[in-house]
Amino acid sequence: MTVTFIIWAVVVLVAIGLYLSWTAGRLDRLHTRIDAARAALDAQLLRRASVTQELATSGVLDPAASIVLYEAAHAARQSPQDHREVAESELSTALRAVFGESVQVEAVREIPGGQEAASELAAAVRRVPMARRFHNDAVRAARALRRHRTVRWFRLAGHAPFPLAFEMDDEPPVALADRP
């Protein structure tokens, strides 16, 4: 009877160990996914700001629009991490203000090289919400797993910081959101 009890106790402990190991691995994969999604989001935000700065300095836009876009894009690129969401939201607002109507986009497309610039900006503006959504979905999944009692009790998250979503205004201008 004691041998049977010991065997069952070992089986239960192995099963619990396997479950804890699987959960810790899953959490690790989610954290890796968050890091990759954050890198992709940062790349898309940088691309959007770079294309906006190029367009603002190209002389295509009127001076007021160029200044507004350049300053917003510069602030987005240079902002510290804790103010990045606000700076990126301000860039989105500036893009909507300048490219709110298709007349401005058409004016950009009519100049030499403007078609490529407008297409590149439109692609960059469309990719930011997708990248942000992927990042926030990964954060949501990791948060849900980290809330489980098992993860908290056994400290399966280790010393990894609690994942934070990237909240910003990423609504694209209507004239740029439509595919050409």
C-alpha atoms as a PDB file:
ATOM      1  CA  MET A   1       0.000   0.000   0.000  1.00  0.00           C
ATOM      2  CA  THR A   2       2.780   2.453   0.775  1.00  0.00           C
ATOM      3  CA  VAL A   3       4.586   1.633  -2.460  1.00  0.00           C
ATOM      4  CA  THR A   4       1.388   2.367  -4.400  1.00  0.00           C
ATOM      5  CA  PHE A   5       0.953   5.617  -2.525  1.00  0.00           C
ATOM      6  CA  ILE A   6       4.545   6.644  -3.259  1.00  0.00           C
ATOM      7  CA  ILE A   7       4.118   5.815  -6.950  1.00  0.00           C
ATOM      8  CA  TRP A   8       0.910   7.868  -7.144  1.00  0.00           C
ATOM      9  CA  ALA A   9       2.526  10.749  -5.252  1.00  0.00           C
ATOM     10  CA  VAL A  10       5.468  10.735  -7.677  1.00  0.00           C
ATOM     11  CA  VAL A  11       3.087  10.631 -10.668  1.00  0.00           C
ATOM     12  CA  VAL A  12       1.091  13.577  -9.275  1.00  0.00           C
ATOM     13  CA  LEU A  13       4.256  15.577  -8.553  1.00  0.00           C
ATOM     14  CA  VAL A  14       5.598  14.877 -12.055  1.00  0.00           C
ATOM     15  CA  ALA A  15       2.263  15.925 -13.571  1.00  0.00           C
ATOM     16  CA  ILE A  16       2.259  19.140 -11.543  1.00  0.00           C
ATOM     17  CA  GLY A  17       5.875  19.791 -12.523  1.00  0.00           C
ATOM     18  CA  LEU A  18       5.077  19.233 -16.193  1.00  0.00           C
ATOM     19  CA  TYR A  19       2.106  21.588 -15.989  1.00  0.00           C
ATOM     20  CA  LEU A  20       4.179  24.283 -14.265  1.00  0.00           C
ATOM     21  CA  SER A  21       6.969  23.869 -16.804  1.00  0.00           C
ATOM     22  CA  TRP A  22       4.515  24.070 -19.712  1.00  0.00           C
ATOM     23  CA  THR A  23       2.884  27.194 -18.238  1.00  0.00           C
ATOM     24  CA  ALA A  24       6.250  28.881 -17.647  1.00  0.00           C
ATOM     25  CA  GLY A  25       7.279  28.069 -21.228  1.00  0.00           C
ATOM     26  CA  ARG A  26       4.036  29.464 -22.549  1.00  0.00           C
ATOM     27  CA  LEU A  27       4.531  32.647 -20.553  1.00  0.00           C
ATOM     28  CA  ASP A  28       8.093  32.930 -21.830  1.00  0.00           C
ATOM     29  CA  ARG A  29       6.872  32.562 -25.429  1.00  0.00           C
ATOM     30  CA  LEU A  30       4.271  35.273 -24.825  1.00  0.00           C
ATOM     31  CA  HIS A  31       6.940  37.623 -23.482  1.00  0.00           C
ATOM     32  CA  THR A  32       9.091  36.878 -26.520  1.00  0.00           C
ATOM     33  CA  ARG A  33       6.093  37.583 -28.751  1.00  0.00           C
ATOM     34  CA  ILE A  34       5.560  40.901 -26.950  1.00  0.00           C
ATOM     35  CA  ASP A  35       9.197  41.859 -27.518  1.00  0.00           C
ATOM     36  CA  ALA A  36       8.963  41.013 -31.215  1.00  0.00           C
ATOM     37  CA  ALA A  37       5.655  42.853 -31.597  1.00  0.00           C
ATOM     38  CA  ARG A  38       7.080  45.894 -29.796  1.00  0.00           C
ATOM     39  CA  ALA A  39      10.090  45.915 -32.113  1.00  0.00           C
ATOM     40  CA  ALA A  40       7.772  45.741 -35.129  1.00  0.00           C
ATOM     41  CA  LEU A  41       5.615  48.528 -33.701  1.00  0.00           C
ATOM     42  CA  ASP A  42       8.684  50.691 -33.065  1.00  0.00           C
ATOM     43  CA  ALA A  43       9.847  50.075 -36.629  1.00  0.00           C
ATOM     44  CA  GLN A  44       6.468  51.064 -38.062  1.00  0.00           C
ATOM     45  CA  LEU A  45       6.287  54.187 -35.913  1.00  0.00           C
ATOM     46  CA  LEU A  46       9.802  55.158 -36.949  1.00  0.00           C
ATOM     47  CA  ARG A  47       8.972  54.536 -40.587  1.00  0.00           C
ATOM     48  CA  ARG A  48       5.832  56.689 -40.350  1.00  0.00           C
ATOM     49  CA  ALA A  49       7.762  59.531 -38.702  1.00  0.00           C
ATOM     50  CA  SER A  50      10.618  59.277 -41.222  1.00  0.00           C
ATOM     51  CA  VAL A  51       8.327  59.340 -44.230  1.00  0.00           C
ATOM     52  CA  THR A  52       6.426  62.258 -42.720  1.00  0.00           C
ATOM     53  CA  GLN A  53       9.657  64.185 -42.156  1.00  0.00           C
ATOM     54  CA  GLU A  54      10.808  63.497 -45.708  1.00  0.00           C
ATOM     55  CA  LEU A  55       7.517  64.721 -47.096  1.00  0.00           C
ATOM     56  CA  ALA A  56       7.544  67.785 -44.842  1.00  0.00           C
ATOM     57  CA  THR A  57      11.032  68.793 -45.991  1.00  0.00           C
ATOM     58  CA  SER A  58      10.447  68.051 -49.690  1.00  0.00           C
ATOM     59  CA  GLY A  59       8.866  71.436 -50.416  1.00  0.00           C
ATOM     60  CA  VAL A  60       5.698  69.825 -51.729  1.00  0.00           C
ATOM     61  CA  LEU A  61       3.425  71.046 -48.966  1.00  0.00           C
ATOM     62  CA  ASP A  62       2.653  74.597 -48.024  1.00  0.00           C
ATOM     63  CA  PRO A  63       4.999  76.029 -45.359  1.00  0.00           C
ATOM     64  CA  ALA A  64       2.499  75.856 -42.478  1.00  0.00           C
ATOM     65  CA  ALA A  65       1.664  72.203 -43.147  1.00  0.00           C
ATOM     66  CA  SER A  66       5.351  71.382 -43.554  1.00  0.00           C
ATOM     67  CA  ILE A  67       6.210  72.934 -40.189  1.00  0.00           C
ATOM     68  CA  VAL A  68       3.346  71.180 -38.402  1.00  0.00           C
ATOM     69  CA  LEU A  69       4.254  67.787 -39.859  1.00  0.00           C
ATOM     70  CA  TYR A  70       8.000  68.207 -39.364  1.00  0.00           C
ATOM     71  CA  GLU A  71       7.693  69.244 -35.723  1.00  0.00           C
ATOM     72  CA  ALA A  72       5.237  66.450 -34.912  1.00  0.00           C
ATOM     73  CA  ALA A  73       7.390  63.832 -36.660  1.00  0.00           C
ATOM     74  CA  HIS A  74      10.553  65.134 -35.003  1.00  0.00           C
ATOM     75  CA  ALA A  75       8.882  65.062 -31.584  1.00  0.00           C
ATOM     76  CA  ALA A  76       7.690  61.490 -32.223  1.00  0.00           C
ATOM     77  CA  ARG A  77      11.179  60.334 -33.198  1.00  0.00           C
ATOM     78  CA  GLN A  78      12.970  62.087 -30.330  1.00  0.00           C
ATOM     79  CA  SER A  79      10.487  61.561 -27.500  1.00  0.00           C
ATOM     80  CA  PRO A  80      11.563  59.561 -24.459  1.00  0.00           C
ATOM     81  CA  GLN A  81       9.879  56.201 -23.970  1.00  0.00           C
ATOM     82  CA  ASP A  82       7.494  57.413 -21.250  1.00  0.00           C
ATOM     83  CA  HIS A  83       6.123  60.201 -23.507  1.00  0.00           C
ATOM     84  CA  ARG A  84       6.165  58.257 -26.762  1.00  0.00           C
ATOM     85  CA  GLU A  85       2.434  57.481 -26.827  1.00  0.00           C
ATOM     86  CA  VAL A  86       1.545  61.173 -26.553  1.00  0.00           C
ATOM     87  CA  ALA A  87       4.048  62.219 -29.223  1.00  0.00           C
ATOM     88  CA  GLU A  88       2.831  59.525 -31.629  1.00  0.00           C
ATOM     89  CA  SER A  89      -0.778  60.566 -31.008  1.00  0.00           C
ATOM     90  CA  GLU A  90       0.174  64.160 -31.808  1.00  0.00           C
ATOM     91  CA  LEU A  91       1.753  62.987 -35.064  1.00  0.00           C
ATOM     92  CA  SER A  92      -1.488  61.183 -35.939  1.00  0.00           C
ATOM     93  CA  THR A  93      -3.427  64.381 -35.216  1.00  0.00           C
ATOM     94  CA  ALA A  94      -1.047  66.412 -37.380  1.00  0.00           C
ATOM     95  CA  LEU A  95      -1.377  63.936 -40.248  1.00  0.00           C
ATOM     96  CA  ARG A  96      -5.170  64.119 -40.014  1.00  0.00           C
ATOM     97  CA  ALA A  97      -5.034  67.915 -39.956  1.00  0.00           C
ATOM     98  CA  VAL A  98      -2.841  68.136 -43.064  1.00  0.00           C
ATOM     99  CA  PHE A  99      -4.229  65.188 -45.023  1.00  0.00           C
ATOM    100  CA  GLY A 100      -7.816  65.368 -43.806  1.00  0.00           C
ATOM    101  CA  GLU A 101      -9.095  65.927 -47.308  1.00  0.00           C
ATOM    102  CA  SER A 102      -8.074  64.193 -50.488  1.00  0.00           C
ATOM    103  CA  VAL A 103      -7.272  67.537 -52.164  1.00  0.00           C
ATOM    104  CA  GLN A 104      -3.956  67.760 -50.290  1.00  0.00           C
ATOM    105  CA  VAL A 105      -3.071  64.150 -51.137  1.00  0.00           C
ATOM    106  CA  GLU A 106      -3.867  64.746 -54.803  1.00  0.00           C
ATOM    107  CA  ALA A 107      -1.662  67.856 -54.777  1.00  0.00           C
ATOM    108  CA  VAL A 108       1.206  65.742 -53.438  1.00  0.00           C
ATOM    109  CA  ARG A 109       0.617  63.029 -56.041  1.00  0.00           C
ATOM    110  CA  GLU A 110       0.728  65.506 -58.930  1.00  0.00           C
ATOM    111  CA  ILE A 111       4.316  66.618 -58.382  1.00  0.00           C
ATOM    112  CA  PRO A 112       7.268  64.569 -59.663  1.00  0.00           C
ATOM    113  CA  GLY A 113       7.943  61.781 -57.178  1.00  0.00           C
ATOM    114  CA  GLY A 114       4.806  62.647 -55.260  1.00  0.00           C
ATOM    115  CA  GLN A 115       2.979  59.458 -56.176  1.00  0.00           C
ATOM    116  CA  GLU A 116       5.660  57.348 -54.504  1.00  0.00           C
ATOM    117  CA  ALA A 117       5.828  59.647 -51.472  1.00  0.00           C
ATOM    118  CA  ALA A 118       2.061  59.592 -50.995  1.00  0.00           C
ATOM    119  CA  SER A 119       1.930  55.816 -51.435  1.00  0.00           C
ATOM    120  CA  GLU A 120       4.762  55.299 -48.952  1.00  0.00           C
ATOM    121  CA  LEU A 121       3.105  57.564 -46.390  1.00  0.00           C
ATOM    122  CA  ALA A 122      -0.258  55.849 -46.891  1.00  0.00           C
ATOM    123  CA  ALA A 123       1.348  52.427 -46.369  1.00  0.00           C
ATOM    124  CA  ALA A 124       3.156  53.619 -43.243  1.00  0.00           C
ATOM    125  CA  VAL A 125      -0.019  55.139 -41.832  1.00  0.00           C
ATOM    126  CA  ARG A 126      -1.989  51.930 -42.460  1.00  0.00           C
ATOM    127  CA  ARG A 127       0.633  49.654 -40.888  1.00  0.00           C
ATOM    128  CA  VAL A 128       0.845  51.445 -37.535  1.00  0.00           C
ATOM    129  CA  PRO A 129      -2.643  50.377 -36.305  1.00  0.00           C
ATOM    130  CA  MET A 130      -1.967  46.777 -37.324  1.00  0.00           C
ATOM    131  CA  ALA A 131       1.381  46.680 -35.523  1.00  0.00           C
ATOM    132  CA  ARG A 132      -0.163  48.281 -32.442  1.00  0.00           C
ATOM    133  CA  ARG A 133      -3.017  45.769 -32.489  1.00  0.00           C
ATOM    134  CA  PHE A 134      -0.591  42.811 -32.667  1.00  0.00           C
ATOM    135  CA  HIS A 135       1.421  44.231 -29.772  1.00  0.00           C
ATOM    136  CA  ASN A 136      -1.633  44.905 -27.624  1.00  0.00           C
ATOM    137  CA  ASP A 137      -3.073  41.448 -28.350  1.00  0.00           C
ATOM    138  CA  ALA A 138       0.164  39.835 -27.166  1.00  0.00           C
ATOM    139  CA  VAL A 139       0.123  42.035 -24.053  1.00  0.00           C
ATOM    140  CA  ARG A 140      -3.502  41.085 -23.355  1.00  0.00           C
ATOM    141  CA  ALA A 141      -2.705  37.364 -23.623  1.00  0.00           C
ATOM    142  CA  ALA A 142       0.318  37.647 -21.312  1.00  0.00           C
ATOM    143  CA  ARG A 143      -1.639  39.659 -18.768  1.00  0.00           C
ATOM    144  CA  ALA A 144      -4.433  37.079 -18.760  1.00  0.00           C
ATOM    145  CA  LEU A 145      -1.950  34.273 -18.123  1.00  0.00           C
ATOM    146  CA  ARG A 146      -0.078  36.242 -15.461  1.00  0.00           C
ATOM    147  CA  ARG A 147      -3.335  36.785 -13.539  1.00  0.00           C
ATOM    148  CA  HIS A 148      -3.746  33.043 -12.931  1.00  0.00           C
ATOM    149  CA  ARG A 149      -3.132  32.006  -9.350  1.00  0.00           C
ATOM    150  CA  THR A 150      -0.716  29.286 -10.361  1.00  0.00           C
ATOM    151  CA  VAL A 151       1.519  31.789 -12.156  1.00  0.00           C
ATOM    152  CA  ARG A 152       1.455  34.170  -9.200  1.00  0.00           C
ATOM    153  CA  TRP A 153       1.906  31.535  -6.479  1.00  0.00           C
ATOM    154  CA  PHE A 154       4.827  29.808  -8.149  1.00  0.00           C
ATOM    155  CA  ARG A 155       6.226  33.065  -9.559  1.00  0.00           C
ATOM    156  CA  LEU A 156       6.430  31.616 -13.041  1.00  0.00           C
ATOM    157  CA  ALA A 157       6.858  35.075 -14.594  1.00  0.00           C
ATOM    158  CA  GLY A 158      10.181  35.462 -12.853  1.00  0.00           C
ATOM    159  CA  HIS A 159      11.447  39.015 -12.840  1.00  0.00           C
ATOM    160  CA  ALA A 160       9.868  39.984 -16.160  1.00  0.00           C
ATOM    161  CA  PRO A 161       8.119  43.352 -15.944  1.00  0.00           C
ATOM    162  CA  PHE A 162       4.351  43.410 -16.224  1.00  0.00           C
ATOM    163  CA  PRO A 163       3.571  43.994 -19.905  1.00  0.00           C
ATOM    164  CA  LEU A 164       2.046  47.348 -20.820  1.00  0.00           C
ATOM    165  CA  ALA A 165      -0.139  48.054 -23.808  1.00  0.00           C
ATOM    166  CA  PHE A 166       0.774  50.869 -26.203  1.00  0.00           C
ATOM    167  CA  GLU A 167      -2.188  53.217 -26.227  1.00  0.00           C
ATOM    168  CA  MET A 168      -2.178  55.973 -28.807  1.00  0.00           C
ATOM    169  CA  ASP A 169      -4.377  57.695 -31.325  1.00  0.00           C
ATOM    170  CA  ASP A 170      -3.573  55.874 -34.561  1.00  0.00           C
ATOM    171  CA  GLU A 171      -6.620  56.842 -36.593  1.00  0.00           C
ATOM    172  CA  PRO A 172      -5.272  57.473 -40.110  1.00  0.00           C
ATOM    173  CA  PRO A 173      -6.369  60.418 -42.230  1.00  0.00           C
ATOM    174  CA  VAL A 174      -9.303  59.432 -44.405  1.00  0.00           C
ATOM    175  CA  ALA A 175      -7.511  60.447 -47.592  1.00  0.00           C
ATOM    176  CA  LEU A 176      -4.520  58.228 -46.744  1.00  0.00           C
ATOM    177  CA  ALA A 177      -6.435  55.303 -45.231  1.00  0.00           C
ATOM    178  CA  ASP A 178      -8.069  54.385 -48.541  1.00  0.00           C
ATOM    179  CA  ARG A 179      -6.027  52.134 -50.758  1.00  0.00           C
ATOM    180  CA  PRO A 180      -5.086  53.731 -54.097  1.00  0.00           C
END
